[in-house]
């Protein structure tokens, strides 16, 4: 959270983690081959948003707080990310 806290308010086209590696390149050209070499299921970088929201729920964060952290305008958008199973 400390690393990401200074990223609030970035321009919508700004990169969060790197301004030298295009977003699609990061997942397709870097993460997928690394997952294959490690013999783990490849994930999309976007999957981490779902994981983050689920962990927030498990930590008893309020839905409005999670919505704000994810940057959603509507709670219905946040609901999509908070999918947990028993």
N, C-alpha and C. Protein backbone atom coordinates (compact mmCIF):
# COMPACT_ATOMS: atom_id res chain seq x y z
N UNK A 1 0.82 -1.18 0.00
CA UNK A 1 0.00 0.00 0.00
C UNK A 1 0.87 1.25 0.00
N UNK A 2 2.01 1.20 0.70
CA UNK A 2 2.90 2.37 0.71
C UNK A 2 3.39 2.69 -0.69
N UNK A 3 3.73 1.67 -1.45
CA UNK A 3 4.23 1.87 -2.81
C UNK A 3 3.14 2.47 -3.69
N UNK A 4 1.92 1.98 -3.54
CA UNK A 4 0.84 2.43 -4.40
C UNK A 4 0.20 3.74 -3.95
N UNK A 5 0.42 4.13 -2.70
CA UNK A 5 -0.27 5.32 -2.19
C UNK A 5 0.07 6.59 -2.96
N UNK A 6 1.29 6.69 -3.46
CA UNK A 6 1.65 7.90 -4.22
C UNK A 6 1.21 7.81 -5.68
N UNK A 7 0.54 6.74 -6.05
CA UNK A 7 0.08 6.57 -7.43
C UNK A 7 -1.33 7.11 -7.62
N UNK A 8 -2.04 7.42 -6.54
CA UNK A 8 -3.39 7.98 -6.66
C UNK A 8 -3.33 9.28 -7.44
N UNK A 9 -4.29 9.48 -8.26
CA UNK A 9 -4.35 10.71 -9.02
C UNK A 9 -3.52 10.71 -10.29
N UNK A 10 -2.95 9.55 -10.63
CA UNK A 10 -2.21 9.46 -11.89
C UNK A 10 -3.15 9.72 -13.05
N UNK A 11 -2.63 10.24 -14.11
CA UNK A 11 -3.40 10.42 -15.35
C UNK A 11 -3.87 9.04 -15.80
N UNK A 12 -5.09 8.92 -16.34
CA UNK A 12 -5.60 7.61 -16.75
C UNK A 12 -4.69 6.84 -17.71
N UNK A 13 -3.87 7.53 -18.48
CA UNK A 13 -2.97 6.85 -19.40
C UNK A 13 -1.61 6.53 -18.80
N UNK A 14 -1.39 6.94 -17.56
CA UNK A 14 -0.09 6.73 -16.92
C UNK A 14 0.07 5.27 -16.49
N UNK A 15 1.30 4.81 -16.47
CA UNK A 15 1.60 3.45 -16.02
C UNK A 15 1.82 3.45 -14.52
N UNK A 16 1.30 2.44 -13.84
CA UNK A 16 1.47 2.33 -12.40
C UNK A 16 2.85 1.78 -12.07
N UNK A 17 3.28 0.75 -12.79
CA UNK A 17 4.52 0.07 -12.44
C UNK A 17 5.70 0.43 -13.32
N UNK A 18 5.46 0.86 -14.53
CA UNK A 18 6.57 1.16 -15.42
C UNK A 18 6.09 2.04 -16.55
N UNK A 19 6.92 2.98 -16.93
CA UNK A 19 6.58 3.78 -18.10
C UNK A 19 7.42 3.35 -19.30
N UNK A 20 8.19 2.27 -19.13
CA UNK A 20 9.03 1.79 -20.22
C UNK A 20 8.52 0.49 -20.83
N UNK A 21 7.66 -0.23 -20.12
CA UNK A 21 7.11 -1.49 -20.62
C UNK A 21 5.61 -1.30 -20.83
N UNK A 22 5.13 -1.34 -22.06
CA UNK A 22 3.68 -1.22 -22.29
C UNK A 22 2.92 -2.29 -21.54
N UNK A 23 1.73 -1.95 -21.07
CA UNK A 23 0.93 -2.85 -20.23
C UNK A 23 0.72 -4.22 -20.87
N UNK A 24 0.27 -4.26 -22.12
CA UNK A 24 0.01 -5.55 -22.77
C UNK A 24 1.29 -6.36 -22.92
N UNK A 25 2.40 -5.68 -23.14
CA UNK A 25 3.68 -6.37 -23.27
C UNK A 25 4.06 -7.04 -21.96
N UNK A 26 3.79 -6.38 -20.84
CA UNK A 26 4.14 -6.93 -19.53
C UNK A 26 3.50 -8.30 -19.33
N UNK A 27 2.20 -8.40 -19.56
CA UNK A 27 1.51 -9.67 -19.36
C UNK A 27 1.82 -10.70 -20.41
N UNK A 28 1.73 -10.30 -21.66
CA UNK A 28 1.86 -11.26 -22.75
C UNK A 28 3.31 -11.70 -22.96
N UNK A 29 4.23 -10.78 -22.95
CA UNK A 29 5.62 -11.11 -23.28
C UNK A 29 6.47 -11.47 -22.07
N UNK A 30 6.05 -11.06 -20.88
CA UNK A 30 6.89 -11.32 -19.71
C UNK A 30 6.25 -12.30 -18.71
N UNK A 31 5.04 -11.99 -18.24
CA UNK A 31 4.43 -12.83 -17.20
C UNK A 31 4.07 -14.22 -17.70
N UNK A 32 3.47 -14.32 -18.87
CA UNK A 32 3.05 -15.63 -19.39
C UNK A 32 4.23 -16.57 -19.59
N UNK A 33 5.33 -16.15 -20.24
CA UNK A 33 6.48 -17.05 -20.37
C UNK A 33 7.11 -17.43 -19.02
N UNK A 34 7.13 -16.48 -18.08
CA UNK A 34 7.69 -16.79 -16.76
C UNK A 34 6.84 -17.84 -16.06
N UNK A 35 5.52 -17.73 -16.17
CA UNK A 35 4.63 -18.71 -15.55
C UNK A 35 4.84 -20.08 -16.18
N UNK A 36 5.00 -20.11 -17.49
CA UNK A 36 5.22 -21.37 -18.18
C UNK A 36 6.52 -22.03 -17.71
N UNK A 37 7.58 -21.23 -17.61
CA UNK A 37 8.87 -21.77 -17.13
C UNK A 37 8.77 -22.27 -15.69
N UNK A 38 7.97 -21.58 -14.89
CA UNK A 38 7.80 -21.96 -13.48
C UNK A 38 6.80 -23.09 -13.31
N UNK A 39 6.15 -23.48 -14.43
CA UNK A 39 5.15 -24.54 -14.43
C UNK A 39 3.98 -24.23 -13.50
N UNK A 40 3.54 -22.97 -13.54
CA UNK A 40 2.35 -22.55 -12.81
C UNK A 40 1.33 -22.01 -13.81
N UNK A 41 0.10 -21.93 -13.40
CA UNK A 41 -0.95 -21.43 -14.27
C UNK A 41 -0.72 -19.95 -14.55
N UNK A 42 -0.66 -19.57 -15.81
CA UNK A 42 -0.48 -18.15 -16.11
C UNK A 42 -1.70 -17.34 -15.67
N UNK A 43 -1.45 -16.14 -15.20
CA UNK A 43 -2.54 -15.24 -14.84
C UNK A 43 -2.39 -13.96 -15.66
N UNK A 44 -3.50 -13.26 -15.79
CA UNK A 44 -3.44 -11.94 -16.40
C UNK A 44 -3.15 -10.95 -15.29
N UNK A 45 -2.49 -9.89 -15.61
CA UNK A 45 -2.20 -8.87 -14.62
C UNK A 45 -3.50 -8.38 -13.98
N UNK A 46 -4.56 -8.32 -14.79
CA UNK A 46 -5.86 -7.87 -14.31
C UNK A 46 -6.41 -8.78 -13.21
N UNK A 47 -6.04 -10.06 -13.22
CA UNK A 47 -6.51 -11.00 -12.21
C UNK A 47 -6.11 -10.53 -10.81
N UNK A 48 -5.04 -9.79 -10.71
CA UNK A 48 -4.59 -9.31 -9.40
C UNK A 48 -5.59 -8.34 -8.78
N UNK A 49 -6.36 -7.63 -9.59
CA UNK A 49 -7.41 -6.75 -9.05
C UNK A 49 -8.48 -7.58 -8.35
N UNK A 50 -8.84 -8.71 -8.95
CA UNK A 50 -9.83 -9.58 -8.33
C UNK A 50 -9.28 -10.16 -7.02
N UNK A 51 -8.04 -10.58 -7.03
CA UNK A 51 -7.41 -11.12 -5.83
C UNK A 51 -7.36 -10.06 -4.74
N UNK A 52 -6.98 -8.84 -5.10
CA UNK A 52 -6.92 -7.75 -4.14
C UNK A 52 -8.29 -7.51 -3.49
N UNK A 53 -9.34 -7.43 -4.30
CA UNK A 53 -10.68 -7.20 -3.77
C UNK A 53 -11.11 -8.34 -2.85
N UNK A 54 -10.82 -9.57 -3.24
CA UNK A 54 -11.18 -10.72 -2.40
C UNK A 54 -10.44 -10.69 -1.07
N UNK A 55 -9.18 -10.33 -1.09
CA UNK A 55 -8.42 -10.24 0.16
C UNK A 55 -8.95 -9.12 1.05
N UNK A 56 -9.38 -8.03 0.44
CA UNK A 56 -9.99 -6.94 1.23
C UNK A 56 -11.24 -7.42 1.95
N UNK A 57 -12.07 -8.22 1.25
CA UNK A 57 -13.27 -8.77 1.87
C UNK A 57 -12.89 -9.66 3.04
N UNK A 58 -11.89 -10.51 2.84
CA UNK A 58 -11.44 -11.40 3.91
C UNK A 58 -10.88 -10.64 5.11
N UNK A 59 -10.41 -9.42 4.86
CA UNK A 59 -9.89 -8.57 5.95
C UNK A 59 -10.97 -7.65 6.51
N UNK A 60 -12.23 -7.95 6.17
CA UNK A 60 -13.39 -7.20 6.67
C UNK A 60 -13.41 -5.73 6.27
N UNK A 61 -12.87 -5.42 5.10
CA UNK A 61 -12.96 -4.06 4.58
C UNK A 61 -14.39 -3.83 4.10
N UNK A 62 -14.89 -2.64 4.28
CA UNK A 62 -16.25 -2.29 3.85
C UNK A 62 -16.26 -2.17 2.32
N UNK A 63 -17.40 -2.52 1.74
CA UNK A 63 -17.53 -2.51 0.28
C UNK A 63 -17.25 -1.12 -0.30
N UNK A 64 -17.64 -0.07 0.39
CA UNK A 64 -17.39 1.29 -0.11
C UNK A 64 -15.89 1.58 -0.12
N UNK A 65 -15.18 1.12 0.90
CA UNK A 65 -13.72 1.31 0.93
C UNK A 65 -13.04 0.56 -0.21
N UNK A 66 -13.50 -0.66 -0.46
CA UNK A 66 -12.94 -1.45 -1.56
C UNK A 66 -13.23 -0.77 -2.89
N UNK A 67 -14.46 -0.26 -3.05
CA UNK A 67 -14.81 0.47 -4.27
C UNK A 67 -13.84 1.64 -4.49
N UNK A 68 -13.59 2.39 -3.43
CA UNK A 68 -12.69 3.54 -3.54
C UNK A 68 -11.26 3.12 -3.87
N UNK A 69 -10.80 2.03 -3.27
CA UNK A 69 -9.44 1.55 -3.54
C UNK A 69 -9.29 1.08 -4.99
N UNK A 70 -10.35 0.47 -5.52
CA UNK A 70 -10.31 0.00 -6.90
C UNK A 70 -10.58 1.12 -7.90
N UNK A 71 -11.10 2.23 -7.41
CA UNK A 71 -11.36 3.36 -8.30
C UNK A 71 -12.65 3.25 -9.08
N UNK A 72 -13.61 2.48 -8.55
CA UNK A 72 -14.89 2.33 -9.23
C UNK A 72 -15.83 3.46 -8.87
N UNK A 73 -16.71 3.80 -9.79
CA UNK A 73 -17.75 4.80 -9.52
C UNK A 73 -18.98 4.16 -8.88
N UNK A 74 -19.24 2.90 -9.24
CA UNK A 74 -20.45 2.21 -8.76
C UNK A 74 -20.10 0.99 -7.92
N UNK A 75 -20.91 0.76 -6.90
CA UNK A 75 -20.72 -0.45 -6.09
C UNK A 75 -20.97 -1.71 -6.91
N UNK A 76 -21.82 -1.62 -7.91
CA UNK A 76 -22.10 -2.80 -8.74
C UNK A 76 -20.85 -3.26 -9.48
N UNK A 77 -19.97 -2.32 -9.85
CA UNK A 77 -18.70 -2.71 -10.49
C UNK A 77 -17.81 -3.43 -9.48
N UNK A 78 -17.82 -2.95 -8.25
CA UNK A 78 -17.00 -3.57 -7.21
C UNK A 78 -17.48 -4.98 -6.91
N UNK A 79 -18.81 -5.20 -6.96
CA UNK A 79 -19.36 -6.53 -6.71
C UNK A 79 -18.75 -7.59 -7.62
N UNK A 80 -18.45 -7.21 -8.85
CA UNK A 80 -17.87 -8.14 -9.81
C UNK A 80 -16.51 -8.66 -9.32
N UNK A 81 -15.79 -7.82 -8.60
CA UNK A 81 -14.45 -8.17 -8.15
C UNK A 81 -14.45 -8.92 -6.83
N UNK A 82 -15.54 -8.84 -6.08
CA UNK A 82 -15.58 -9.44 -4.74
C UNK A 82 -16.24 -10.81 -4.77
N UNK A 83 -15.75 -11.69 -5.62
CA UNK A 83 -16.33 -13.02 -5.73
C UNK A 83 -15.54 -14.00 -4.87
N UNK A 84 -16.21 -14.47 -3.83
CA UNK A 84 -15.58 -15.44 -2.94
C UNK A 84 -16.45 -16.67 -2.87
N UNK A 85 -15.83 -17.80 -2.62
CA UNK A 85 -16.61 -19.02 -2.42
C UNK A 85 -16.35 -19.51 -1.00
N UNK A 86 -17.31 -20.26 -0.50
CA UNK A 86 -17.18 -20.77 0.87
C UNK A 86 -16.18 -21.90 0.91
